PDB file of N, CA and C in Angstrom:
ATOM      1  N   MET A   1     -11.782 -13.296   4.339  1.00  0.00           N
ATOM      2  CA  MET A   1     -11.599 -11.882   4.111  1.00  0.00           C
ATOM      3  C   MET A   1     -12.965 -11.196   4.206  1.00  0.00           C
ATOM      4  N   SER A   2     -13.107 -10.310   5.134  1.00  0.00           N
ATOM      5  CA  SER A   2     -14.351  -9.594   5.363  1.00  0.00           C
ATOM      6  C   SER A   2     -14.541  -8.488   4.321  1.00  0.00           C
ATOM      7  N   VAL A   3     -15.725  -8.423   3.733  1.00  0.00           N
ATOM      8  CA  VAL A   3     -16.032  -7.374   2.760  1.00  0.00           C
ATOM      9  C   VAL A   3     -15.929  -6.001   3.427  1.00  0.00           C
ATOM     10  N   ARG A   4     -16.400  -5.921   4.645  1.00  0.00           N
ATOM     11  CA  ARG A   4     -16.343  -4.650   5.376  1.00  0.00           C
ATOM     12  C   ARG A   4     -14.897  -4.204   5.604  1.00  0.00           C
ATOM     13  N   GLU A   5     -14.049  -5.134   6.030  1.00  0.00           N
ATOM     14  CA  GLU A   5     -12.645  -4.798   6.267  1.00  0.00           C
ATOM     15  C   GLU A   5     -11.924  -4.479   4.962  1.00  0.00           C
ATOM     16  N   LEU A   6     -12.274  -5.157   3.903  1.00  0.00           N
ATOM     17  CA  LEU A   6     -11.684  -4.877   2.608  1.00  0.00           C
ATOM     18  C   LEU A   6     -12.076  -3.472   2.127  1.00  0.00           C
ATOM     19  N   ALA A   7     -13.316  -3.094   2.344  1.00  0.00           N
ATOM     20  CA  ALA A   7     -13.763  -1.741   1.995  1.00  0.00           C
ATOM     21  C   ALA A   7     -13.009  -0.710   2.839  1.00  0.00           C
ATOM     22  N   TRP A   8     -12.832  -1.005   4.121  1.00  0.00           N
ATOM     23  CA  TRP A   8     -12.055  -0.109   4.981  1.00  0.00           C
ATOM     24  C   TRP A   8     -10.625   0.003   4.452  1.00  0.00           C
ATOM     25  N   ALA A   9     -10.013  -1.126   4.096  1.00  0.00           N
ATOM     26  CA  ALA A   9      -8.636  -1.144   3.602  1.00  0.00           C
ATOM     27  C   ALA A   9      -8.496  -0.318   2.322  1.00  0.00           C
ATOM     28  N   ALA A  10      -9.476  -0.426   1.439  1.00  0.00           N
ATOM     29  CA  ALA A  10      -9.443   0.342   0.196  1.00  0.00           C
ATOM     30  C   ALA A  10      -9.495   1.839   0.499  1.00  0.00           C
ATOM     31  N   GLY A  11     -10.354   2.241   1.423  1.00  0.00           N
ATOM     32  CA  GLY A  11     -10.437   3.648   1.807  1.00  0.00           C
ATOM     33  C   GLY A  11      -9.152   4.141   2.443  1.00  0.00           C
ATOM     34  N   PHE A  12      -8.555   3.307   3.282  1.00  0.00           N
ATOM     35  CA  PHE A  12      -7.293   3.663   3.932  1.00  0.00           C
ATOM     36  C   PHE A  12      -6.186   3.815   2.892  1.00  0.00           C
ATOM     37  N   PHE A  13      -6.088   2.847   1.973  1.00  0.00           N
ATOM     38  CA  PHE A  13      -5.067   2.938   0.931  1.00  0.00           C
ATOM     39  C   PHE A  13      -5.328   4.134   0.024  1.00  0.00           C
ATOM     40  N   ASP A  14      -6.582   4.383  -0.271  1.00  0.00           N
ATOM     41  CA  ASP A  14      -6.952   5.510  -1.131  1.00  0.00           C
ATOM     42  C   ASP A  14      -6.420   6.819  -0.555  1.00  0.00           C
ATOM     43  N   GLY A  15      -6.534   6.989   0.741  1.00  0.00           N
ATOM     44  CA  GLY A  15      -6.102   8.231   1.377  1.00  0.00           C
ATOM     45  C   GLY A  15      -4.637   8.286   1.749  1.00  0.00           C
ATOM     46  N   GLU A  16      -4.049   7.153   2.095  1.00  0.00           N
ATOM     47  CA  GLU A  16      -2.694   7.147   2.654  1.00  0.00           C
ATOM     48  C   GLU A  16      -1.667   6.394   1.816  1.00  0.00           C
ATOM     49  N   GLY A  17      -2.127   5.601   0.851  1.00  0.00           N
ATOM     50  CA  GLY A  17      -1.227   4.712   0.132  1.00  0.00           C
ATOM     51  C   GLY A  17      -0.600   5.314  -1.107  1.00  0.00           C
ATOM     52  N   TYR A  18       0.355   4.566  -1.631  1.00  0.00           N
ATOM     53  CA  TYR A  18       1.093   4.967  -2.816  1.00  0.00           C
ATOM     54  C   TYR A  18       1.362   3.734  -3.666  1.00  0.00           C
ATOM     55  N   ALA A  19       1.181   3.860  -4.971  1.00  0.00           N
ATOM     56  CA  ALA A  19       1.551   2.813  -5.919  1.00  0.00           C
ATOM     57  C   ALA A  19       2.553   3.404  -6.888  1.00  0.00           C
ATOM     58  N   GLY A  20       3.604   2.671  -7.161  1.00  0.00           N
ATOM     59  CA  GLY A  20       4.629   3.144  -8.072  1.00  0.00           C
ATOM     60  C   GLY A  20       5.582   2.020  -8.410  1.00  0.00           C
ATOM     61  N   HIS A  21       6.766   2.395  -8.835  1.00  0.00           N
ATOM     62  CA  HIS A  21       7.788   1.380  -9.037  1.00  0.00           C
ATOM     63  C   HIS A  21       9.126   1.943  -8.600  1.00  0.00           C
ATOM     64  N   SER A  22       9.949   1.035  -8.157  1.00  0.00           N
ATOM     65  CA  SER A  22      11.283   1.375  -7.697  1.00  0.00           C
ATOM     66  C   SER A  22      12.244   0.457  -8.444  1.00  0.00           C
ATOM     67  N   GLY A  23      13.029   1.043  -9.325  1.00  0.00           N
ATOM     68  CA  GLY A  23      13.908   0.219 -10.136  1.00  0.00           C
ATOM     69  C   GLY A  23      13.089  -0.720 -11.001  1.00  0.00           C
ATOM     70  N   ARG A  24      13.302  -1.994 -10.830  1.00  0.00           N
ATOM     71  CA  ARG A  24      12.586  -2.985 -11.642  1.00  0.00           C
ATOM     72  C   ARG A  24      11.361  -3.556 -10.946  1.00  0.00           C
ATOM     73  N   SER A  25      11.049  -3.080  -9.751  1.00  0.00           N
ATOM     74  CA  SER A  25       9.947  -3.650  -8.976  1.00  0.00           C
ATOM     75  C   SER A  25       8.721  -2.742  -8.940  1.00  0.00           C
ATOM     76  N   LEU A  26       7.578  -3.326  -9.220  1.00  0.00           N
ATOM     77  CA  LEU A  26       6.305  -2.670  -8.984  1.00  0.00           C
ATOM     78  C   LEU A  26       6.089  -2.703  -7.483  1.00  0.00           C
ATOM     79  N   MET A  27       5.544  -1.629  -6.899  1.00  0.00           N
ATOM     80  CA  MET A  27       5.382  -1.606  -5.440  1.00  0.00           C
ATOM     81  C   MET A  27       4.173  -0.804  -5.005  1.00  0.00           C
ATOM     82  N   MET A  28       3.730  -1.102  -3.786  1.00  0.00           N
ATOM     83  CA  MET A  28       2.680  -0.359  -3.098  1.00  0.00           C
ATOM     84  C   MET A  28       3.156  -0.155  -1.677  1.00  0.00           C
ATOM     85  N   ALA A  29       2.808   0.993  -1.078  1.00  0.00           N
ATOM     86  CA  ALA A  29       3.258   1.273   0.282  1.00  0.00           C
ATOM     87  C   ALA A  29       2.296   2.215   0.986  1.00  0.00           C
ATOM     88  N   ILE A  30       2.318   2.129   2.303  1.00  0.00           N
ATOM     89  CA  ILE A  30       1.601   3.064   3.171  1.00  0.00           C
ATOM     90  C   ILE A  30       2.525   3.374   4.340  1.00  0.00           C
ATOM     91  N   GLY A  31       2.734   4.646   4.626  1.00  0.00           N
ATOM     92  CA  GLY A  31       3.521   5.059   5.775  1.00  0.00           C
ATOM     93  C   GLY A  31       2.620   5.657   6.848  1.00  0.00           C
ATOM     94  N   GLN A  32       2.980   5.418   8.080  1.00  0.00           N
ATOM     95  CA  GLN A  32       2.222   5.952   9.216  1.00  0.00           C
ATOM     96  C   GLN A  32       3.194   6.322  10.319  1.00  0.00           C
ATOM     97  N   SER A  33       2.887   7.376  11.038  1.00  0.00           N
ATOM     98  CA  SER A  33       3.722   7.722  12.184  1.00  0.00           C
ATOM     99  C   SER A  33       2.973   7.389  13.464  1.00  0.00           C
ATOM    100  N   GLY A  34       3.738   7.093  14.491  1.00  0.00           N
ATOM    101  CA  GLY A  34       3.173   6.895  15.814  1.00  0.00           C
ATOM    102  C   GLY A  34       2.848   5.473  16.210  1.00  0.00           C
ATOM    103  N   SER A  35       2.270   4.675  15.315  1.00  0.00           N
ATOM    104  CA  SER A  35       1.834   3.336  15.694  1.00  0.00           C
ATOM    105  C   SER A  35       1.690   2.446  14.463  1.00  0.00           C
ATOM    106  N   MET A  36       1.853   1.143  14.682  1.00  0.00           N
ATOM    107  CA  MET A  36       1.696   0.173  13.610  1.00  0.00           C
ATOM    108  C   MET A  36       0.301  -0.467  13.630  1.00  0.00           C
ATOM    109  N   ILE A  37      -0.547  -0.086  14.547  1.00  0.00           N
ATOM    110  CA  ILE A  37      -1.855  -0.729  14.716  1.00  0.00           C
ATOM    111  C   ILE A  37      -2.684  -0.678  13.434  1.00  0.00           C
ATOM    112  N   THR A  38      -2.782   0.474  12.817  1.00  0.00           N
ATOM    113  CA  THR A  38      -3.603   0.619  11.607  1.00  0.00           C
ATOM    114  C   THR A  38      -3.010  -0.175  10.452  1.00  0.00           C
ATOM    115  N   LEU A  39      -1.689  -0.215  10.348  1.00  0.00           N
ATOM    116  CA  LEU A  39      -1.048  -0.985   9.284  1.00  0.00           C
ATOM    117  C   LEU A  39      -1.266  -2.484   9.476  1.00  0.00           C
ATOM    118  N   ARG A  40      -1.252  -2.933  10.714  1.00  0.00           N
ATOM    119  CA  ARG A  40      -1.564  -4.354  10.987  1.00  0.00           C
ATOM    120  C   ARG A  40      -2.987  -4.681  10.559  1.00  0.00           C
ATOM    121  N   ARG A  41      -3.928  -3.801  10.850  1.00  0.00           N
ATOM    122  CA  ARG A  41      -5.318  -4.013  10.431  1.00  0.00           C
ATOM    123  C   ARG A  41      -5.405  -4.071   8.906  1.00  0.00           C
ATOM    124  N   PHE A  42      -4.714  -3.166   8.226  1.00  0.00           N
ATOM    125  CA  PHE A  42      -4.712  -3.161   6.763  1.00  0.00           C
ATOM    126  C   PHE A  42      -4.186  -4.492   6.228  1.00  0.00           C
ATOM    127  N   LYS A  43      -3.067  -4.931   6.754  1.00  0.00           N
ATOM    128  CA  LYS A  43      -2.461  -6.188   6.293  1.00  0.00           C
ATOM    129  C   LYS A  43      -3.416  -7.368   6.502  1.00  0.00           C
ATOM    130  N   ARG A  44      -4.067  -7.425   7.655  1.00  0.00           N
ATOM    131  CA  ARG A  44      -5.053  -8.499   7.909  1.00  0.00           C
ATOM    132  C   ARG A  44      -6.202  -8.419   6.906  1.00  0.00           C
ATOM    133  N   ALA A  45      -6.675  -7.205   6.625  1.00  0.00           N
ATOM    134  CA  ALA A  45      -7.831  -7.016   5.743  1.00  0.00           C
ATOM    135  C   ALA A  45      -7.556  -7.499   4.331  1.00  0.00           C
ATOM    136  N   ILE A  46      -6.288  -7.452   3.895  1.00  0.00           N
ATOM    137  CA  ILE A  46      -5.959  -7.895   2.539  1.00  0.00           C
ATOM    138  C   ILE A  46      -5.343  -9.295   2.533  1.00  0.00           C
ATOM    139  N   GLY A  47      -5.632 -10.044   3.562  1.00  0.00           N
ATOM    140  CA  GLY A  47      -5.213 -11.443   3.591  1.00  0.00           C
ATOM    141  C   GLY A  47      -3.773 -11.684   3.984  1.00  0.00           C
ATOM    142  N   GLY A  48      -3.176 -10.741   4.700  1.00  0.00           N
ATOM    143  CA  GLY A  48      -1.816 -10.927   5.199  1.00  0.00           C
ATOM    144  C   GLY A  48      -0.714 -10.633   4.191  1.00  0.00           C
ATOM    145  N   LEU A  49      -1.064 -10.031   3.078  1.00  0.00           N
ATOM    146  CA  LEU A  49      -0.067  -9.745   2.048  1.00  0.00           C
ATOM    147  C   LEU A  49       0.806  -8.555   2.441  1.00  0.00           C
ATOM    148  N   GLY A  50       2.024  -8.529   1.945  1.00  0.00           N
ATOM    149  CA  GLY A  50       2.941  -7.432   2.204  1.00  0.00           C
ATOM    150  C   GLY A  50       3.731  -7.636   3.478  1.00  0.00           C
ATOM    151  N   HIS A  51       4.536  -6.639   3.788  1.00  0.00           N
ATOM    152  CA  HIS A  51       5.415  -6.688   4.960  1.00  0.00           C
ATOM    153  C   HIS A  51       5.283  -5.398   5.751  1.00  0.00           C
ATOM    154  N   LEU A  52       5.496  -5.506   7.051  1.00  0.00           N
ATOM    155  CA  LEU A  52       5.478  -4.348   7.942  1.00  0.00           C
ATOM    156  C   LEU A  52       6.906  -4.023   8.354  1.00  0.00           C
ATOM    157  N   TYR A  53       7.241  -2.740   8.368  1.00  0.00           N
ATOM    158  CA  TYR A  53       8.575  -2.286   8.726  1.00  0.00           C
ATOM    159  C   TYR A  53       8.479  -1.188   9.773  1.00  0.00           C
ATOM    160  N   GLY A  54       9.492  -1.109  10.589  1.00  0.00           N
ATOM    161  CA  GLY A  54       9.569  -0.040  11.573  1.00  0.00           C
ATOM    162  C   GLY A  54       9.589  -0.590  12.979  1.00  0.00           C
ATOM    163  N   PRO A  55       9.763   0.269  13.919  1.00  0.00           N
ATOM    164  CA  PRO A  55       9.816   1.727  13.780  1.00  0.00           C
ATOM    165  C   PRO A  55      11.198   2.207  13.334  1.00  0.00           C
ATOM    166  N   TYR A  56      11.191   3.326  12.652  1.00  0.00           N
ATOM    167  CA  TYR A  56      12.414   4.023  12.316  1.00  0.00           C
ATOM    168  C   TYR A  56      12.121   5.512  12.356  1.00  0.00           C
ATOM    169  N   ARG A  57      13.166   6.287  12.416  1.00  0.00           N
ATOM    170  CA  ARG A  57      12.999   7.733  12.485  1.00  0.00           C
ATOM    171  C   ARG A  57      13.201   8.330  11.102  1.00  0.00           C
ATOM    172  N   ARG A  58      12.319   9.241  10.753  1.00  0.00           N
ATOM    173  CA  ARG A  58      12.436   9.933   9.465  1.00  0.00           C
ATOM    174  C   ARG A  58      13.168  11.243   9.693  1.00  0.00           C
ATOM    175  N   GLY A  59      14.286  11.386   9.007  1.00  0.00           N
ATOM    176  CA  GLY A  59      15.064  12.616   9.126  1.00  0.00           C
ATOM    177  C   GLY A  59      15.493  12.868  10.557  1.00  0.00           C
ATOM    178  N   ASP A  60      15.413  14.112  10.971  1.00  0.00           N
ATOM    179  CA  ASP A  60      15.843  14.468  12.325  1.00  0.00           C
ATOM    180  C   ASP A  60      14.671  14.644  13.279  1.00  0.00           C
ATOM    181  N   THR A  61      13.481  14.154  12.884  1.00  0.00           N
ATOM    182  CA  THR A  61      12.326  14.287  13.776  1.00  0.00           C
ATOM    183  C   THR A  61      12.366  13.200  14.843  1.00  0.00           C
ATOM    184  N   ARG A  62      11.592  13.378  15.857  1.00  0.00           N
ATOM    185  CA  ARG A  62      11.516  12.393  16.927  1.00  0.00           C
ATOM    186  C   ARG A  62      10.404  11.379  16.704  1.00  0.00           C
ATOM    187  N   LYS A  63       9.590  11.629  15.683  1.00  0.00           N
ATOM    188  CA  LYS A  63       8.475  10.722  15.412  1.00  0.00           C
ATOM    189  C   LYS A  63       8.964   9.395  14.883  1.00  0.00           C
ATOM    190  N   LEU A  64       8.320   8.337  15.373  1.00  0.00           N
ATOM    191  CA  LEU A  64       8.600   7.012  14.846  1.00  0.00           C
ATOM    192  C   LEU A  64       7.691   6.770  13.646  1.00  0.00           C
ATOM    193  N   VAL A  65       8.238   6.164  12.617  1.00  0.00           N
ATOM    194  CA  VAL A  65       7.504   5.911  11.387  1.00  0.00           C
ATOM    195  C   VAL A  65       7.448   4.415  11.137  1.00  0.00           C
ATOM    196  N   TYR A  66       6.290   3.970  10.657  1.00  0.00           N
ATOM    197  CA  TYR A  66       6.062   2.563  10.322  1.00  0.00           C
ATOM    198  C   TYR A  66       5.606   2.491   8.873  1.00  0.00           C
ATOM    199  N   ARG A  67       5.775   1.320   8.267  1.00  0.00           N
ATOM    200  CA  ARG A  67       5.463   1.200   6.848  1.00  0.00           C
ATOM    201  C   ARG A  67       4.948  -0.196   6.529  1.00  0.00           C
ATOM    202  N   TRP A  68       3.884  -0.243   5.720  1.00  0.00           N
ATOM    203  CA  TRP A  68       3.456  -1.482   5.076  1.00  0.00           C
ATOM    204  C   TRP A  68       3.911  -1.360   3.633  1.00  0.00           C
ATOM    205  N   GLN A  69       4.441  -2.450   3.085  1.00  0.00           N
ATOM    206  CA  GLN A  69       4.900  -2.402   1.703  1.00  0.00           C
ATOM    207  C   GLN A  69       4.826  -3.780   1.073  1.00  0.00           C
ATOM    208  N   THR A  70       4.550  -3.788  -0.214  1.00  0.00           N
ATOM    209  CA  THR A  70       4.657  -4.999  -0.999  1.00  0.00           C
ATOM    210  C   THR A  70       5.336  -4.655  -2.314  1.00  0.00           C
ATOM    211  N   ARG A  71       6.130  -5.591  -2.811  1.00  0.00           N
ATOM    212  CA  ARG A  71       6.883  -5.413  -4.055  1.00  0.00           C
ATOM    213  C   ARG A  71       6.721  -6.666  -4.900  1.00  0.00           C
ATOM    214  N   GLY A  72       6.976  -6.486  -6.160  1.00  0.00           N
ATOM    215  CA  GLY A  72       6.917  -7.606  -7.083  1.00  0.00           C
ATOM    216  C   GLY A  72       5.571  -7.656  -7.772  1.00  0.00           C
ATOM    217  N   ALA A  73       5.606  -7.882  -9.059  1.00  0.00           N
ATOM    218  CA  ALA A  73       4.396  -7.801  -9.877  1.00  0.00           C
ATOM    219  C   ALA A  73       3.289  -8.721  -9.397  1.00  0.00           C
ATOM    220  N   GLY A  74       3.609  -9.955  -9.049  1.00  0.00           N
ATOM    221  CA  GLY A  74       2.572 -10.910  -8.659  1.00  0.00           C
ATOM    222  C   GLY A  74       1.777 -10.476  -7.442  1.00  0.00           C
ATOM    223  N   GLU A  75       2.471 -10.175  -6.359  1.00  0.00           N
ATOM    224  CA  GLU A  75       1.781  -9.796  -5.126  1.00  0.00           C
ATOM    225  C   GLU A  75       1.111  -8.430  -5.256  1.00  0.00           C
ATOM    226  N   VAL A  76       1.775  -7.482  -5.893  1.00  0.00           N
ATOM    227  CA  VAL A  76       1.183  -6.154  -6.073  1.00  0.00           C
ATOM    228  C   VAL A  76      -0.099  -6.259  -6.885  1.00  0.00           C
ATOM    229  N   LYS A  77      -0.061  -7.011  -7.969  1.00  0.00           N
ATOM    230  CA  LYS A  77      -1.263  -7.157  -8.796  1.00  0.00           C
ATOM    231  C   LYS A  77      -2.389  -7.850  -8.025  1.00  0.00           C
ATOM    232  N   HIS A  78      -2.037  -8.754  -7.111  1.00  0.00           N
ATOM    233  CA  HIS A  78      -3.068  -9.400  -6.288  1.00  0.00           C
ATOM    234  C   HIS A  78      -3.712  -8.381  -5.345  1.00  0.00           C
ATOM    235  N   VAL A  79      -2.903  -7.559  -4.698  1.00  0.00           N
ATOM    236  CA  VAL A  79      -3.446  -6.523  -3.810  1.00  0.00           C
ATOM    237  C   VAL A  79      -4.303  -5.555  -4.622  1.00  0.00           C
ATOM    238  N   ILE A  80      -3.823  -5.171  -5.798  1.00  0.00           N
ATOM    239  CA  ILE A  80      -4.596  -4.273  -6.657  1.00  0.00           C
ATOM    240  C   ILE A  80      -5.943  -4.895  -6.997  1.00  0.00           C
ATOM    241  N   SER A  81      -5.951  -6.184  -7.308  1.00  0.00           N
ATOM    242  CA  SER A  81      -7.217  -6.837  -7.665  1.00  0.00           C
ATOM    243  C   SER A  81      -8.220  -6.810  -6.515  1.00  0.00           C
ATOM    244  N   LEU A  82      -7.732  -6.822  -5.290  1.00  0.00           N
ATOM    245  CA  LEU A  82      -8.616  -6.761  -4.120  1.00  0.00           C
ATOM    246  C   LEU A  82      -9.184  -5.355  -3.913  1.00  0.00           C
ATOM    247  N   LEU A  83      -8.346  -4.347  -4.079  1.00  0.00           N
ATOM    248  CA  LEU A  83      -8.720  -2.981  -3.720  1.00  0.00           C
ATOM    249  C   LEU A  83      -9.301  -2.164  -4.868  1.00  0.00           C
ATOM    250  N   TYR A  84      -8.866  -2.420  -6.081  1.00  0.00           N
ATOM    251  CA  TYR A  84      -9.157  -1.557  -7.229  1.00  0.00           C
ATOM    252  C   TYR A  84     -10.636  -1.205  -7.398  1.00  0.00           C
ATOM    253  N   PRO A  85     -11.557  -2.170  -7.301  1.00  0.00           N
ATOM    254  CA  PRO A  85     -12.973  -1.818  -7.507  1.00  0.00           C
ATOM    255  C   PRO A  85     -13.515  -0.811  -6.492  1.00  0.00           C
ATOM    256  N   LEU A  86     -12.829  -0.667  -5.360  1.00  0.00           N
ATOM    257  CA  LEU A  86     -13.307   0.188  -4.277  1.00  0.00           C
ATOM    258  C   LEU A  86     -12.565   1.522  -4.193  1.00  0.00           C
ATOM    259  N   LEU A  87     -11.598   1.737  -5.057  1.00  0.00           N
ATOM    260  CA  LEU A  87     -10.767   2.939  -4.996  1.00  0.00           C
ATOM    261  C   LEU A  87     -11.365   4.093  -5.790  1.00  0.00           C
ATOM    262  N   SER A  88     -10.932   5.291  -5.442  1.00  0.00           N
ATOM    263  CA  SER A  88     -11.359   6.501  -6.162  1.00  0.00           C
ATOM    264  C   SER A  88     -10.685   6.558  -7.539  1.00  0.00           C
ATOM    265  N   SER A  89     -11.239   7.387  -8.400  1.00  0.00           N
ATOM    266  CA  SER A  89     -10.661   7.573  -9.742  1.00  0.00           C
ATOM    267  C   SER A  89      -9.215   8.069  -9.687  1.00  0.00           C
ATOM    268  N   PRO A  90      -8.877   9.040  -8.833  1.00  0.00           N
ATOM    269  CA  PRO A  90      -7.474   9.476  -8.793  1.00  0.00           C
ATOM    270  C   PRO A  90      -6.511   8.350  -8.395  1.00  0.00           C
ATOM    271  N   LYS A  91      -6.913   7.524  -7.452  1.00  0.00           N
ATOM    272  CA  LYS A  91      -6.025   6.436  -7.029  1.00  0.00           C
ATOM    273  C   LYS A  91      -5.930   5.371  -8.121  1.00  0.00           C
ATOM    274  N   ARG A  92      -7.024   5.125  -8.824  1.00  0.00           N
ATOM    275  CA  ARG A  92      -6.977   4.186  -9.954  1.00  0.00           C
ATOM    276  C   ARG A  92      -6.016   4.696 -11.023  1.00  0.00           C
ATOM    277  N   ARG A  93      -6.057   5.999 -11.291  1.00  0.00           N
ATOM    278  CA  ARG A  93      -5.133   6.574 -12.278  1.00  0.00           C
ATOM    279  C   ARG A  93      -3.681   6.422 -11.816  1.00  0.00           C
ATOM    280  N   GLN A  94      -3.446   6.623 -10.525  1.00  0.00           N
ATOM    281  CA  GLN A  94      -2.096   6.458  -9.992  1.00  0.00           C
ATOM    282  C   GLN A  94      -1.617   5.024 -10.218  1.00  0.00           C
ATOM    283  N   ILE A  95      -2.482   4.059  -9.953  1.00  0.00           N
ATOM    284  CA  ILE A  95      -2.118   2.656 -10.131  1.00  0.00           C
ATOM    285  C   ILE A  95      -1.862   2.333 -11.601  1.00  0.00           C
ATOM    286  N   LYS A  96      -2.745   2.791 -12.478  1.00  0.00           N
ATOM    287  CA  LYS A  96      -2.551   2.559 -13.911  1.00  0.00           C
ATOM    288  C   LYS A  96      -1.243   3.185 -14.393  1.00  0.00           C
ATOM    289  N   GLY A  97      -0.962   4.394 -13.920  1.00  0.00           N
ATOM    290  CA  GLY A  97       0.284   5.064 -14.286  1.00  0.00           C
ATOM    291  C   GLY A  97       1.507   4.315 -13.786  1.00  0.00           C
ATOM    292  N   ALA A  98       1.426   3.789 -12.568  1.00  0.00           N
ATOM    293  CA  ALA A  98       2.536   3.014 -12.004  1.00  0.00           C
ATOM    294  C   ALA A  98       2.801   1.764 -12.835  1.00  0.00           C
ATOM    295  N   ILE A  99       1.732   1.083 -13.224  1.00  0.00           N
ATOM    296  CA  ILE A  99       1.891  -0.136 -14.022  1.00  0.00           C
ATOM    297  C   ILE A  99       2.479   0.202 -15.392  1.00  0.00           C
ATOM    298  N   ARG A 100       1.961   1.238 -16.028  1.00  0.00           N
ATOM    299  CA  ARG A 100       2.481   1.661 -17.345  1.00  0.00           C
ATOM    300  C   ARG A 100       3.967   2.028 -17.260  1.00  0.00           C
ATOM    301  N   SER A 101       4.285   2.823 -16.262  1.00  0.00           N
ATOM    302  CA  SER A 101       5.666   3.264 -16.086  1.00  0.00           C
ATOM    303  C   SER A 101       6.583   2.071 -15.828  1.00  0.00           C
ATOM    304  N   TRP A 102       6.127   1.142 -15.007  1.00  0.00           N
ATOM    305  CA  TRP A 102       6.911  -0.067 -14.709  1.00  0.00           C
ATOM    306  C   TRP A 102       7.101  -0.916 -15.961  1.00  0.00           C
ATOM    307  N   GLN A 103       6.060  -1.068 -16.764  1.00  0.00           N
ATOM    308  CA  GLN A 103       6.140  -1.873 -17.981  1.00  0.00           C
ATOM    309  C   GLN A 103       7.069  -1.241 -19.012  1.00  0.00           C
ATOM    310  N   ASN A 104       7.149   0.089 -19.023  1.00  0.00           N
ATOM    311  CA  ASN A 104       7.960   0.803 -20.011  1.00  0.00           C
ATOM    312  C   ASN A 104       9.367   1.149 -19.532  1.00  0.00           C
ATOM    313  N   ARG A 105       9.752   0.656 -18.393  1.00  0.00           N
ATOM    314  CA  ARG A 105      11.059   1.014 -17.823  1.00  0.00           C
ATOM    315  C   ARG A 105      12.206   0.547 -18.677  1.00  0.00           C
TER     316      ARG A 105
END
């Protein structure tokens, strides 16, 4: 795992990613339109964790949408451990809030 690529991945997730929970699962996701290239790079940078989905159409637009996502406390917490030291304060708060909300569900 390259430190440079990990720093890039943290910046990408910081700007485009989301941490939350869905039902009983803790989750992280990034959506992108047009191409899966950047999501593939992100997945490689974090050691191949998560899954890639798409293309699919969002609503009635013609744009193709792609998604990287991981679910489940174990894998999500591992991704968080990789990215957290490099994330901005707002994104750290989002992650802490997601974990709290998931724990209190």
